[in-house]
Amino acid sequence: MKDVKLDPNEESTYECFDCGTVVVSATAPGSCPSCGADMRNRGTPLE
């Protein structure tokens, strides 16, 4: 398995844990713009 080089300027996809809103952003949005819940980076696996 190879490590992927992280590009800090590359946009990532974030998804709301509660309502499922999807946001594409270069920086973590922190909270959902629709409901205010926590967002997760969809590129990071859930374990």
N, C-alpha and C. Protein backbone atom coordinates (compact mmCIF):
# COMPACT_ATOMS: atom_id res chain seq x y z
N MET A 1 0.85 -1.16 0.00
CA MET A 1 0.00 0.00 0.00
C MET A 1 0.90 1.24 0.00
N LYS A 2 0.58 2.22 -0.80
CA LYS A 2 1.36 3.44 -0.88
C LYS A 2 0.65 4.57 -0.17
N ASP A 3 1.44 5.44 0.45
CA ASP A 3 0.87 6.63 1.07
C ASP A 3 0.53 7.64 -0.02
N VAL A 4 -0.60 8.30 0.14
CA VAL A 4 -1.01 9.33 -0.80
C VAL A 4 -0.45 10.65 -0.32
N LYS A 5 0.17 11.39 -1.23
CA LYS A 5 0.71 12.70 -0.84
C LYS A 5 -0.44 13.68 -0.66
N LEU A 6 -0.43 14.35 0.47
CA LEU A 6 -1.48 15.30 0.81
C LEU A 6 -1.18 16.66 0.18
N ASP A 7 -2.13 17.17 -0.57
CA ASP A 7 -2.02 18.50 -1.16
C ASP A 7 -2.96 19.41 -0.37
N PRO A 8 -2.44 20.32 0.46
CA PRO A 8 -3.30 21.15 1.31
C PRO A 8 -4.23 22.08 0.52
N ASN A 9 -3.94 22.32 -0.76
CA ASN A 9 -4.80 23.19 -1.57
C ASN A 9 -5.89 22.42 -2.30
N GLU A 10 -5.85 21.10 -2.23
CA GLU A 10 -6.84 20.27 -2.91
C GLU A 10 -8.16 20.26 -2.13
N GLU A 11 -9.25 20.36 -2.84
CA GLU A 11 -10.56 20.35 -2.19
C GLU A 11 -10.94 18.93 -1.78
N SER A 12 -11.61 18.81 -0.65
CA SER A 12 -12.11 17.53 -0.15
C SER A 12 -13.62 17.60 -0.02
N THR A 13 -14.23 16.43 0.04
CA THR A 13 -15.67 16.35 0.20
C THR A 13 -15.98 16.03 1.65
N TYR A 14 -16.87 16.82 2.25
CA TYR A 14 -17.28 16.65 3.64
C TYR A 14 -18.77 16.34 3.67
N GLU A 15 -19.19 15.47 4.62
CA GLU A 15 -20.59 15.07 4.73
C GLU A 15 -21.06 15.24 6.17
N CYS A 16 -22.28 15.72 6.32
CA CYS A 16 -22.87 15.91 7.64
C CYS A 16 -23.27 14.57 8.24
N PHE A 17 -22.95 14.35 9.53
CA PHE A 17 -23.33 13.12 10.22
C PHE A 17 -24.84 13.01 10.39
N ASP A 18 -25.55 14.14 10.54
CA ASP A 18 -26.99 14.11 10.83
C ASP A 18 -27.87 14.15 9.60
N CYS A 19 -27.72 15.18 8.76
CA CYS A 19 -28.66 15.35 7.65
C CYS A 19 -28.12 14.90 6.29
N GLY A 20 -26.79 14.61 6.20
CA GLY A 20 -26.23 14.10 4.95
C GLY A 20 -25.84 15.16 3.94
N THR A 21 -25.90 16.44 4.31
CA THR A 21 -25.49 17.51 3.41
C THR A 21 -24.04 17.31 3.02
N VAL A 22 -23.72 17.49 1.74
CA VAL A 22 -22.36 17.32 1.24
C VAL A 22 -21.80 18.69 0.85
N VAL A 23 -20.57 18.97 1.31
CA VAL A 23 -19.90 20.23 1.03
C VAL A 23 -18.52 19.91 0.45
N VAL A 24 -18.12 20.60 -0.62
CA VAL A 24 -16.76 20.47 -1.17
C VAL A 24 -16.01 21.73 -0.80
N SER A 25 -14.87 21.55 -0.10
CA SER A 25 -14.12 22.70 0.42
C SER A 25 -12.65 22.35 0.56
N ALA A 26 -11.80 23.36 0.47
CA ALA A 26 -10.37 23.17 0.68
C ALA A 26 -10.03 23.12 2.17
N THR A 27 -10.92 23.65 3.01
CA THR A 27 -10.72 23.62 4.46
C THR A 27 -11.93 22.96 5.12
N ALA A 28 -11.71 22.34 6.26
CA ALA A 28 -12.79 21.68 6.98
C ALA A 28 -13.85 22.69 7.40
N PRO A 29 -15.12 22.45 7.04
CA PRO A 29 -16.17 23.41 7.36
C PRO A 29 -16.53 23.47 8.85
N GLY A 30 -16.15 22.46 9.62
CA GLY A 30 -16.44 22.48 11.05
C GLY A 30 -17.84 22.00 11.36
N SER A 31 -18.85 22.81 11.03
CA SER A 31 -20.23 22.40 11.28
C SER A 31 -21.04 22.52 10.00
N CYS A 32 -22.11 21.77 9.92
CA CYS A 32 -22.97 21.72 8.75
C CYS A 32 -23.67 23.07 8.52
N PRO A 33 -23.64 23.59 7.29
CA PRO A 33 -24.31 24.85 7.01
C PRO A 33 -25.84 24.73 7.05
N SER A 34 -26.36 23.49 6.94
CA SER A 34 -27.81 23.29 6.95
C SER A 34 -28.37 23.10 8.35
N CYS A 35 -27.70 22.25 9.17
CA CYS A 35 -28.29 21.92 10.47
C CYS A 35 -27.36 22.19 11.65
N GLY A 36 -26.07 22.50 11.41
CA GLY A 36 -25.15 22.81 12.49
C GLY A 36 -24.45 21.61 13.12
N ALA A 37 -24.72 20.40 12.63
CA ALA A 37 -24.10 19.19 13.19
C ALA A 37 -22.65 19.06 12.70
N ASP A 38 -21.92 18.08 13.27
CA ASP A 38 -20.54 17.83 12.87
C ASP A 38 -20.47 17.28 11.45
N MET A 39 -19.37 17.64 10.76
CA MET A 39 -19.13 17.15 9.41
C MET A 39 -17.93 16.21 9.45
N ARG A 40 -17.85 15.29 8.48
CA ARG A 40 -16.71 14.39 8.38
C ARG A 40 -16.14 14.45 6.97
N ASN A 41 -14.85 14.22 6.85
CA ASN A 41 -14.20 14.16 5.55
C ASN A 41 -14.53 12.79 4.96
N ARG A 42 -15.17 12.76 3.81
CA ARG A 42 -15.57 11.50 3.19
C ARG A 42 -14.37 10.70 2.70
N GLY A 43 -13.20 11.33 2.58
CA GLY A 43 -11.99 10.62 2.16
C GLY A 43 -11.33 9.87 3.29
N THR A 44 -11.78 10.07 4.51
CA THR A 44 -11.22 9.39 5.68
C THR A 44 -12.15 8.24 6.05
N PRO A 45 -11.64 7.00 6.07
CA PRO A 45 -12.51 5.86 6.38
C PRO A 45 -13.00 5.87 7.83
N LEU A 46 -14.23 5.43 8.04
CA LEU A 46 -14.78 5.28 9.38
C LEU A 46 -14.42 3.89 9.89
N GLU A 47 -13.97 3.81 11.11
CA GLU A 47 -13.62 2.51 11.68
C GLU A 47 -14.37 2.27 12.95
